[in-house]
Protein backbone atom coordinates (compact mmCIF):
# COMPACT_ATOMS: atom_id res chain seq x y z
CA MET A 1 23.33 31.47 15.84
CA THR A 2 26.60 30.14 15.73
CA VAL A 3 27.54 26.56 17.10
CA ALA A 4 29.21 28.21 20.11
CA GLU A 5 25.84 30.11 20.77
CA ARG A 6 23.69 27.23 20.47
CA SER A 7 25.78 25.20 22.84
CA ARG A 8 24.73 28.02 25.64
CA ILE A 9 21.20 27.77 25.04
CA ASP A 10 19.70 27.31 28.23
CA TRP A 11 16.80 24.73 27.50
CA ALA A 12 14.85 24.82 30.62
CA PRO A 13 13.15 28.02 30.41
CA ILE A 14 12.22 27.32 26.84
CA VAL A 15 10.94 23.86 27.82
CA ASP A 16 8.76 25.64 30.67
CA VAL A 17 7.47 28.13 28.36
CA PHE A 18 6.41 24.93 25.87
CA ALA A 19 4.69 23.53 28.86
CA ALA A 20 2.86 26.23 29.79
CA ALA A 21 1.63 27.03 26.32
CA LEU A 22 0.56 23.42 25.20
CA GLY A 23 0.37 21.37 28.53
CA SER A 24 3.35 19.62 30.41
CA ASP A 25 1.76 16.25 28.85
CA ARG A 26 2.23 17.60 25.32
CA VAL A 27 6.17 18.20 26.07
CA VAL A 28 8.46 15.26 26.06
CA ARG A 29 12.20 16.37 27.72
CA ARG A 30 13.44 13.20 29.48
CA LYS A 31 16.57 11.73 27.67
CA GLU A 32 15.22 8.17 27.64
CA GLU A 33 11.88 9.36 26.25
CA ILE A 34 13.38 11.34 23.42
CA LEU A 35 15.55 8.28 22.00
CA VAL A 36 12.82 6.94 19.98
CA TYR A 37 12.69 10.26 18.04
CA GLU A 38 16.70 10.42 17.17
CA CYS A 39 16.04 9.04 13.61
CA ASP A 40 13.61 8.27 10.81
CA GLY A 41 13.42 5.24 8.55
CA LEU A 42 16.84 6.29 7.54
CA THR A 43 18.47 4.62 10.81
CA SER A 44 22.05 5.42 9.54
CA TYR A 45 22.12 8.53 11.05
CA ARG A 46 20.79 9.45 14.80
CA GLN A 47 20.75 12.90 16.53
CA ARG A 48 18.63 13.35 19.73
CA PRO A 49 16.45 16.76 19.62
CA ALA A 50 16.46 19.24 22.53
CA VAL A 51 12.79 18.65 23.13
CA VAL A 52 9.76 17.02 21.55
CA VAL A 53 6.36 18.51 21.44
CA LEU A 54 2.87 16.80 20.74
CA PRO A 55 0.76 19.26 19.38
CA ARG A 56 -3.18 18.33 18.67
CA THR A 57 -4.42 21.07 16.92
CA THR A 58 -3.33 23.83 14.06
CA GLU A 59 -3.38 26.34 16.99
CA GLN A 60 -0.93 24.30 18.95
CA VAL A 61 1.27 23.95 16.01
CA ALA A 62 1.48 27.66 15.67
CA THR A 63 1.94 28.24 19.36
CA ALA A 64 5.11 25.79 19.09
CA VAL A 65 6.26 27.59 15.92
CA LYS A 66 5.97 31.01 17.30
CA ILE A 67 8.02 29.89 20.51
CA CYS A 68 10.93 28.49 18.30
CA HIS A 69 10.80 31.98 16.27
CA GLN A 70 10.75 33.85 19.55
CA PHE A 71 13.61 31.74 21.01
CA GLN A 72 15.35 31.66 17.69
CA VAL A 73 15.80 27.75 17.88
CA PRO A 74 15.47 25.29 14.65
CA PHE A 75 12.44 23.12 14.61
CA VAL A 76 11.93 19.71 12.50
CA ALA A 77 8.46 18.45 11.57
CA ARG A 78 8.09 14.62 11.79
CA GLY A 79 5.03 12.42 11.27
CA ALA A 80 5.14 8.55 11.77
CA GLY A 81 8.87 8.62 11.17
CA THR A 82 8.91 6.09 8.33
CA GLY A 83 10.61 8.48 5.74
CA LEU A 84 13.63 7.02 4.06
CA SER A 85 15.63 10.09 3.27
CA GLY A 86 16.46 11.60 6.87
CA GLY A 87 14.11 14.30 6.11
CA ALA A 88 12.49 14.00 9.74
CA LEU A 89 16.16 13.54 11.36
CA PRO A 90 16.58 16.06 14.16
CA ILE A 91 19.34 18.31 14.10
CA GLU A 92 21.25 19.42 17.36
CA ASP A 93 19.76 21.64 19.66
CA SER A 94 16.37 21.70 18.02
CA VAL A 95 12.83 21.13 18.57
CA LEU A 96 11.06 18.21 17.13
CA ILE A 97 7.23 19.03 16.34
CA VAL A 98 5.71 15.60 16.01
CA THR A 99 2.17 15.67 14.21
CA ALA A 100 1.41 11.96 15.06
CA THR A 101 -1.35 12.78 17.68
CA MET A 102 -3.15 14.97 14.92
CA ASN A 103 -4.80 11.54 13.41
CA GLN A 104 -8.41 12.88 12.98
CA ILE A 105 -10.22 12.53 9.71
CA LEU A 106 -12.14 16.22 9.66
CA ASP A 107 -14.54 15.89 6.79
CA VAL A 108 -15.60 13.47 4.44
CA ASP A 109 -17.51 14.73 1.28
CA LEU A 110 -18.52 12.01 -0.90
CA ASP A 111 -20.49 14.05 -3.40
CA ASN A 112 -17.35 16.54 -4.23
CA GLN A 113 -14.77 13.36 -3.77
CA ARG A 114 -12.79 15.06 -0.99
CA VAL A 115 -11.73 14.14 2.32
CA VAL A 116 -10.10 16.73 4.88
CA VAL A 117 -7.64 14.97 7.39
CA GLN A 118 -5.21 16.13 9.96
CA PRO A 119 -1.17 15.41 9.09
CA GLY A 120 -1.15 12.37 11.63
CA VAL A 121 -3.74 10.38 9.71
CA ILE A 122 -2.26 7.07 8.54
CA ASN A 123 -2.44 6.77 4.57
CA ASN A 124 -4.27 3.80 4.66
CA TRP A 125 -6.95 5.03 6.72
CA VAL A 126 -8.06 7.53 4.18
CA THR A 127 -9.34 4.30 1.97
CA GLN A 128 -10.86 2.45 4.79
CA ALA A 129 -12.76 5.51 5.47
CA VAL A 130 -14.59 5.73 2.20
CA SER A 131 -14.29 2.27 0.58
CA GLY A 132 -17.84 1.30 1.94
CA ALA A 133 -18.95 4.00 -0.36
CA GLY A 134 -16.92 2.72 -3.30
CA PHE A 135 -14.06 5.30 -3.27
CA TYR A 136 -10.23 5.10 -2.25
CA TYR A 137 -7.47 7.33 -1.89
CA ALA A 138 -4.97 6.57 -4.76
CA PRO A 139 -1.34 7.27 -3.67
CA ASP A 140 -0.23 3.97 -1.90
CA PRO A 141 3.44 3.93 -0.59
CA SER A 142 4.59 0.26 0.36
CA SER A 143 4.46 1.92 3.93
CA GLN A 144 0.88 3.06 3.76
CA SER A 145 -0.14 1.22 6.79
CA VAL A 146 1.96 3.02 8.78
CA CYS A 147 3.18 6.16 7.01
CA SER A 148 1.06 9.37 7.73
CA VAL A 149 -0.68 11.64 5.21
CA GLY A 150 1.56 14.58 6.69
CA GLY A 151 4.59 13.02 5.69
CA ASN A 152 3.33 11.86 2.41
CA VAL A 153 2.75 15.78 1.53
CA ALA A 154 6.08 16.77 2.72
CA GLU A 155 8.10 13.97 0.72
CA ASN A 156 5.56 13.87 -2.32
CA SER A 157 5.33 10.32 -1.96
CA GLY A 158 4.11 7.77 -4.73
CA GLY A 159 3.66 4.12 -4.61
CA VAL A 160 2.37 1.15 -6.69
CA HIS A 161 -0.49 3.36 -8.41
CA CYS A 162 1.37 6.44 -9.10
CA LEU A 163 1.99 5.34 -12.78
CA LYS A 164 -1.52 5.80 -13.66
CA TYR A 165 -2.70 8.25 -10.84
CA GLY A 166 0.10 10.34 -9.81
CA VAL A 167 2.10 10.98 -6.87
CA THR A 168 0.76 12.68 -3.70
CA THR A 169 0.60 16.07 -5.15
CA ASN A 170 -1.52 15.40 -7.79
CA HIS A 171 -4.42 14.10 -5.18
CA VAL A 172 -3.82 17.41 -2.62
CA LEU A 173 -6.37 20.17 -3.35
CA GLY A 174 -6.05 22.47 -0.43
CA LEU A 175 -3.65 22.69 2.60
CA LYS A 176 -3.90 24.68 5.83
CA VAL A 177 -0.08 25.50 6.69
CA VAL A 178 1.78 27.04 9.90
CA LEU A 179 4.47 29.16 8.26
CA PRO A 180 7.91 29.21 9.96
CA THR A 181 6.93 32.59 11.57
CA GLY A 182 3.79 31.12 13.17
CA ASP A 183 1.19 32.56 10.82
CA ILE A 184 -1.33 30.09 9.58
CA VAL A 185 -2.32 30.32 5.89
CA GLU A 186 -4.42 28.45 3.41
CA ILE A 187 -3.65 27.36 0.05
CA GLY A 188 -5.28 25.68 -2.58
CA SER A 189 -8.96 25.22 -2.58
CA GLU A 190 -11.50 22.69 -2.68
CA VAL A 191 -11.99 22.94 -6.50
CA ALA A 192 -9.18 21.33 -8.52
CA GLU A 193 -8.19 24.58 -10.41
CA THR A 194 -7.65 28.08 -8.85
CA PRO A 195 -5.95 31.14 -10.36
CA GLY A 196 -2.65 32.74 -9.22
CA TYR A 197 0.49 30.73 -8.11
CA ASP A 198 0.23 27.29 -7.60
CA LEU A 199 1.26 27.40 -3.78
CA CYS A 200 -0.30 24.01 -2.98
CA GLY A 201 2.34 22.36 -5.79
CA LEU A 202 5.25 24.40 -4.28
CA PHE A 203 4.50 23.28 -0.61
CA VAL A 204 4.20 19.62 -1.52
CA GLY A 205 7.53 17.91 -1.40
CA SER A 206 8.99 20.93 0.23
CA GLU A 207 10.07 18.45 2.80
CA GLY A 208 9.37 20.81 6.14
CA THR A 209 11.42 23.69 4.75
CA LEU A 210 8.46 26.02 4.47
CA GLY A 211 6.31 25.25 7.03
CA ILE A 212 3.89 22.70 8.59
CA ALA A 213 0.79 21.43 6.98
CA THR A 214 -2.10 20.82 9.63
CA GLU A 215 -5.18 19.98 7.43
CA ILE A 216 -4.91 18.40 4.13
CA THR A 217 -7.79 18.24 1.75
CA LEU A 218 -7.42 15.22 -0.55
CA ARG A 219 -9.26 14.13 -3.57
CA ILE A 220 -10.70 10.72 -3.74
CA LEU A 221 -11.43 8.63 -6.43
CA LYS A 222 -14.28 5.94 -7.46
CA ALA A 223 -13.25 2.42 -7.36
CA PRO A 224 -12.88 0.75 -10.39
CA GLN A 225 -15.26 -1.73 -11.42
CA SER A 226 -12.89 -4.47 -12.32
CA ILE A 227 -9.25 -5.18 -11.54
CA GLN A 228 -6.95 -7.61 -12.79
CA VAL A 229 -3.56 -8.28 -11.76
CA LEU A 230 -0.98 -10.29 -13.88
CA LEU A 231 2.42 -11.67 -12.95
CA ALA A 232 4.94 -12.44 -15.44
CA ASP A 233 8.25 -13.82 -15.12
CA PHE A 234 11.47 -13.72 -17.28
CA THR A 235 14.77 -15.40 -17.71
CA SER A 236 16.52 -12.14 -17.60
CA VAL A 237 16.21 -8.59 -16.27
CA ALA A 238 16.80 -7.10 -19.76
CA ALA A 239 13.78 -9.20 -21.06
CA ALA A 240 11.39 -7.97 -18.41
CA GLY A 241 12.68 -4.15 -18.98
CA ALA A 242 12.01 -4.52 -22.67
CA ALA A 243 8.51 -5.72 -21.82
CA VAL A 244 7.96 -2.77 -19.64
CA SER A 245 9.16 -0.43 -22.66
CA ALA A 246 6.68 -2.24 -24.91
CA ILE A 247 3.73 -2.00 -22.83
CA THR A 248 4.06 1.78 -22.50
CA SER A 249 5.29 2.15 -26.09
CA ALA A 250 1.72 0.51 -27.09
CA GLY A 251 0.05 3.26 -25.39
CA ILE A 252 -0.95 1.30 -22.49
CA ILE A 253 -1.11 2.79 -18.87
CA PRO A 254 -1.62 0.15 -16.44
CA ALA A 255 -2.72 1.17 -12.81
CA GLY A 256 0.83 -0.21 -11.51
CA MET A 257 3.59 -2.05 -12.86
CA GLU A 258 6.48 -3.28 -10.60
CA MET A 259 9.56 -5.42 -11.26
CA MET A 260 11.70 -7.41 -8.52
CA ASP A 261 14.93 -9.04 -9.51
CA ASN A 262 15.77 -12.72 -8.38
CA PHE A 263 17.58 -11.61 -5.51
CA SER A 264 14.60 -9.55 -4.21
CA LEU A 265 11.90 -12.41 -4.96
CA ASN A 266 13.67 -15.09 -3.09
CA ALA A 267 14.10 -13.00 -0.04
CA VAL A 268 10.41 -12.38 -0.37
CA GLU A 269 9.44 -16.01 -0.61
CA ASP A 270 11.70 -16.64 2.34
CA VAL A 271 9.97 -14.33 4.59
CA VAL A 272 6.40 -14.01 3.33
CA ALA A 273 5.86 -17.34 1.57
CA THR A 274 3.47 -15.93 -0.90
CA ASN A 275 4.28 -19.14 -3.13
CA CYS A 276 3.35 -17.05 -6.05
CA TYR A 277 6.79 -15.88 -7.36
CA PRO A 278 8.95 -18.64 -9.63
CA ARG A 279 12.10 -18.62 -7.36
CA ASP A 280 14.36 -19.37 -10.67
CA ALA A 281 13.16 -16.36 -12.76
CA ALA A 282 15.66 -13.66 -13.32
CA ALA A 283 12.88 -11.02 -13.00
CA ILE A 284 9.25 -11.08 -12.55
CA LEU A 285 6.48 -8.25 -13.32
CA LEU A 286 3.60 -7.36 -11.39
CA ILE A 287 1.11 -5.15 -13.45
CA GLU A 288 -2.45 -3.79 -12.51
CA ILE A 289 -5.07 -3.09 -14.71
CA ASP A 290 -8.46 -1.40 -13.76
CA GLY A 291 -11.32 0.20 -15.45
CA LEU A 292 -14.65 -1.30 -16.73
CA PRO A 293 -14.69 -5.13 -17.36
CA ALA A 294 -14.46 -5.24 -21.11
CA GLU A 295 -11.53 -2.75 -20.75
CA VAL A 296 -9.80 -4.77 -18.31
CA THR A 297 -10.00 -7.82 -20.27
CA ALA A 298 -9.11 -6.62 -23.71
CA THR A 299 -6.03 -4.69 -21.87
CA GLY A 300 -4.91 -7.68 -20.01
CA ASP A 301 -4.83 -9.76 -23.08
CA ARG A 302 -2.49 -7.21 -25.17
CA ILE A 303 -0.33 -6.68 -22.02
CA ALA A 304 -0.07 -10.85 -21.60
CA ASP A 305 0.72 -10.72 -25.48
CA LEU A 306 3.51 -8.11 -25.24
CA CYS A 307 5.04 -9.94 -22.19
CA ARG A 308 5.12 -13.15 -24.01
CA GLN A 309 6.75 -11.34 -27.33
CA ASN A 310 9.51 -10.20 -24.98
CA GLY A 311 10.31 -13.30 -23.31
CA ALA A 312 8.00 -14.25 -20.57
CA ARG A 313 8.06 -17.73 -19.53
CA THR A 314 4.51 -18.03 -17.57
CA LEU A 315 1.93 -15.78 -16.97
CA THR A 316 -0.41 -15.97 -13.65
CA VAL A 317 -3.73 -13.80 -13.71
CA ALA A 318 -5.76 -13.06 -10.57
CA THR A 319 -9.01 -11.04 -10.28
CA ASP A 320 -10.31 -12.41 -7.28
CA PRO A 321 -9.55 -9.95 -4.20
CA GLU A 322 -7.52 -12.50 -2.18
CA ASP A 323 -5.54 -13.68 -5.22
CA ARG A 324 -4.50 -10.19 -6.03
CA LEU A 325 -3.66 -9.26 -2.50
CA ARG A 326 -1.43 -12.38 -2.35
CA LEU A 327 0.30 -11.32 -5.37
CA TRP A 328 1.00 -7.74 -3.86
CA LYS A 329 1.72 -8.87 -0.84
CA GLY A 330 5.36 -9.66 -1.26
CA ARG A 331 6.13 -6.60 -3.30
CA LYS A 332 4.88 -4.51 -0.07
CA ALA A 333 7.00 -6.67 2.00
CA ALA A 334 10.15 -6.38 0.08
CA PHE A 335 12.10 -3.75 1.94
CA ALA A 336 11.27 -5.68 5.36
CA ALA A 337 12.47 -8.95 3.93
CA MET A 338 15.98 -7.76 3.46
CA GLY A 339 16.17 -7.52 7.00
CA LYS A 340 16.48 -11.64 6.93
CA LEU A 341 19.42 -11.33 4.37
CA SER A 342 21.52 -8.52 6.15
CA PRO A 343 21.74 -6.80 9.37
CA ASP A 344 21.32 -3.52 7.65
CA TYR A 345 20.65 -2.22 4.09
CA TYR A 346 20.72 1.07 2.47
CA VAL A 347 18.00 2.15 0.04
CA GLN A 348 18.39 4.76 -2.66
CA ASP A 349 15.48 6.05 -4.85
CA GLY A 350 16.34 7.40 -8.40
CA VAL A 351 14.31 7.88 -11.66
CA ILE A 352 15.55 6.95 -14.98
CA PRO A 353 13.70 7.15 -18.53
CA ARG A 354 11.98 3.46 -19.13
CA THR A 355 13.95 3.03 -22.27
CA GLN A 356 17.32 3.09 -19.94
CA LEU A 357 15.99 0.26 -17.56
CA PRO A 358 18.40 -2.58 -19.13
CA TYR A 359 21.47 -0.30 -19.54
CA VAL A 360 20.98 0.81 -15.83
CA LEU A 361 20.34 -2.15 -14.25
CA GLN A 362 23.52 -3.77 -15.52
CA GLU A 363 25.64 -0.56 -14.72
CA ILE A 364 24.02 -1.20 -11.01
CA GLU A 365 25.19 -4.62 -10.86
CA ALA A 366 28.50 -3.79 -12.37
CA LEU A 367 28.89 -0.93 -9.43
CA GLY A 368 27.78 -3.56 -6.81
CA ASP A 369 30.65 -5.73 -7.73
CA LYS A 370 33.16 -2.61 -7.98
CA HIS A 371 32.57 -1.91 -4.38
CA GLY A 372 32.07 -5.17 -3.35
CA TYR A 373 28.26 -5.24 -2.38
CA ARG A 374 25.29 -7.02 -3.03
CA VAL A 375 22.46 -4.72 -4.75
CA ALA A 376 18.82 -6.05 -4.44
CA ASN A 377 16.47 -4.23 -7.09
CA VAL A 378 12.76 -3.60 -6.33
CA PHE A 379 10.97 -0.70 -8.06
CA HIS A 380 8.08 0.88 -9.88
CA ALA A 381 9.13 -0.10 -13.36
CA GLY A 382 6.23 1.73 -15.27
CA ASP A 383 7.61 5.19 -14.07
CA GLY A 384 11.28 4.27 -14.09
CA ASN A 385 11.43 4.82 -10.15
CA LEU A 386 14.37 2.54 -8.98
CA HIS A 387 14.85 1.44 -5.56
CA PRO A 388 18.38 -0.36 -5.02
CA LEU A 389 18.82 -1.98 -1.74
CA ILE A 390 22.51 -2.27 -0.84
CA LEU A 391 23.10 -4.79 1.64
CA TYR A 392 25.87 -4.23 4.34
CA ASN A 393 26.70 -4.63 8.31
CA ASN A 394 26.77 -1.50 9.86
CA ALA A 395 28.67 -3.00 12.80
CA ILE A 396 31.93 -2.98 10.45
CA PRO A 397 33.66 0.17 10.65
CA GLY A 398 33.68 1.85 7.00
CA GLU A 399 31.08 -0.01 5.42
CA LEU A 400 28.44 2.71 5.96
CA GLU A 401 30.80 5.14 4.07
CA GLN A 402 31.39 2.71 1.50
CA VAL A 403 27.52 1.92 0.56
CA GLU A 404 26.90 5.53 0.93
CA ALA A 405 29.45 5.91 -1.98
CA LEU A 406 27.74 3.12 -3.74
CA GLY A 407 24.55 4.85 -3.59
CA GLY A 408 26.01 8.11 -4.56
CA ASP A 409 27.16 6.53 -7.83
CA ILE A 410 23.79 5.16 -8.46
CA LEU A 411 22.29 8.34 -8.01
CA LYS A 412 24.89 10.01 -10.57
CA LEU A 413 24.01 7.21 -12.96
CA CYS A 414 20.14 8.15 -12.91
CA VAL A 415 21.13 11.97 -13.56
CA ARG A 416 23.72 10.61 -16.36
CA VAL A 417 21.03 8.91 -18.26
CA GLY A 418 18.50 11.77 -17.99
CA GLY A 419 17.02 10.92 -14.64
CA SER A 420 16.35 12.21 -11.25
CA ILE A 421 17.82 11.56 -7.73
CA SER A 422 14.73 11.21 -6.12
CA GLY A 423 11.30 9.88 -7.45
CA GLU A 424 9.28 9.78 -3.82
CA HIS A 425 11.67 9.33 -0.86
CA GLY A 426 12.69 13.09 -0.96
CA ILE A 427 16.23 14.68 -0.49
CA GLY A 428 16.32 15.28 3.15
CA ALA A 429 19.62 14.65 4.68
CA ASP A 430 20.91 11.84 2.66
CA LYS A 431 20.78 13.02 -1.03
CA ARG A 432 21.20 16.92 -0.47
CA CYS A 433 24.87 16.78 -1.44
CA TYR A 434 23.99 15.30 -4.84
CA MET A 435 21.23 18.37 -5.65
CA PRO A 436 24.37 20.09 -7.62
CA ASP A 437 24.60 17.22 -10.04
CA MET A 438 21.15 17.88 -10.97
CA PHE A 439 20.78 21.24 -10.83
CA SER A 440 22.82 24.25 -11.84
CA SER A 441 23.92 27.05 -9.23
CA THR A 442 21.43 29.24 -10.80
CA ASP A 443 18.73 26.70 -10.04
CA LEU A 444 19.60 26.07 -6.65
CA GLU A 445 20.03 29.68 -5.75
CA THR A 446 16.43 30.28 -6.91
CA MET A 447 15.56 27.42 -4.85
CA GLY A 448 17.05 29.20 -1.96
CA TRP A 449 15.41 32.44 -2.80
CA VAL A 450 11.98 30.49 -2.46
CA ARG A 451 12.98 29.37 0.75
CA GLN A 452 14.24 32.53 2.25
CA ALA A 453 11.01 34.44 1.21
CA LEU A 454 8.88 32.26 3.58
CA ASP A 455 11.81 31.13 6.10
CA PRO A 456 14.07 34.23 6.39
CA ASP A 457 15.69 32.99 9.69
CA ARG A 458 16.52 29.29 8.41
CA LEU A 459 14.53 27.78 11.43
CA ALA A 460 12.36 25.16 9.37
CA ASN A 461 14.21 21.98 9.14
CA PRO A 462 17.33 23.98 8.15
CA THR A 463 20.10 21.63 6.98
CA LYS A 464 17.85 19.68 4.57
CA LEU A 465 17.09 19.50 0.80
CA LEU A 466 19.42 21.89 -0.38
CA PRO A 467 23.32 21.63 -0.15
CA SER A 468 25.78 23.97 1.77
CA PRO A 469 29.44 24.20 2.15
CA ARG A 470 29.01 23.19 5.72
CA THR A 471 26.93 20.07 4.71
CA CYS A 472 28.53 19.11 1.69
CA GLY A 473 31.97 20.76 1.23
CA GLU A 474 33.41 22.85 -1.40
CA ALA A 475 31.28 21.24 -4.12
CA ALA A 476 28.14 22.98 -2.92
CA ARG A 477 29.74 26.15 -2.93
CA SER A 478 27.42 28.55 -5.31
CA PRO A 479 26.26 31.78 -5.71
CA ALA A 480 23.58 30.74 -3.12
CA ALA A 481 25.99 30.54 -0.39
CA ALA A 482 27.11 34.21 -0.79
CA VAL A 483 23.34 35.56 -0.85
CA PHE A 484 22.48 33.27 1.92
CA PRO A 485 25.45 33.59 4.24
CA ASP A 486 23.10 32.54 7.20
CA VAL A 487 23.03 29.16 5.81
CA GLU A 488 25.74 28.16 7.68
CA ARG A 489 24.08 29.04 11.14
CA TYR A 490 23.29 25.13 11.81
């Protein structure tokens, strides 16, 4: 369907079909109501969908997708809308399928350490549901109090504890999925290892391009007996980076290891007032250790020694739950705190080898100076997942394009040192044009074949994840464009 053909779509009968199939209360059509769905957490890009539907069951999702297939209109899945890569950004003349009202925890099986949830369940609800029995759900994005599990699955989200326990894909056992044709399939199983293709692993992180997960079987973990959080502050970012390398080189895998630079920690103190972060520090490390009490004590002592050897000025240790929460509170609020410093910020999400931390942080500072923008650094230091926040004012014409160029230079830097253009936020609309910097044309063509097999009509989130000549210009031209000429439909 060409742009001209889409412009002639008569949405009135399509909306009537949705209302008849799902109920009029499940369909949002008024322009002023649709306005709240025009973007996700990447607010720089905005586009209203033609219609929004709010299914509550797998069957209703399948019905909605079948209607899209019948009328050959594209659809985009959306959860809580907290994503930071434009993955849930509607496209013009699309149907937005919102899973936020699918928010039931369907089953809790403590004996087998499993929980089955709908995609609209908030991340933190899973831990709340099982914490009384001594369990928890490990993946914990900073937005865990508002982000939904379905979105975590789509983007393969991480969090503070992904260093030791892995990202979302490591905790998803099985999925019930509505394919782009409207068919319902179940992939994975209730056990960790099954024969055949790892379709569950293929789907997690596919960003809504292969279908919509409607039931998710999660692995939960037994809560550790002892937890300790250590805060170390340094007079240089390079020293903090060296401490990170020393800890991991010693074979120590903390539950989490986070770094904040001086710019970030002062912004946090201004907003959250933890009174824990020394304002004159060039950088701080937050390191969490968990396990048996004796193990935590011994590992904590070893980490403290390594921090001192690499220039730590002071060390603060917290074992009391409230004290630990206070140390983490600032890190969890770091993105929000930037709103006090600047009317807008643009966050990137790249990954680098830990040994490259000092060099890359120096290069990011130099890139910020070159482009003329302040960059705050908050990141998962343990696994090298950077989150540089570029501060700017979107009201000034041209600034968005300039910070996007700076963000692109940072992503290219990550790839150049052997890293990746995404650690947990996904590719979405924001980073699709940088996929050729990381993958060869053959790699991208192979991904295109997988997408084509499951979505031959290119209706599921069609403009996301993979580049095309229309979305990214001549740089994206590859054998994939010839193999899949309908890539330009949207």
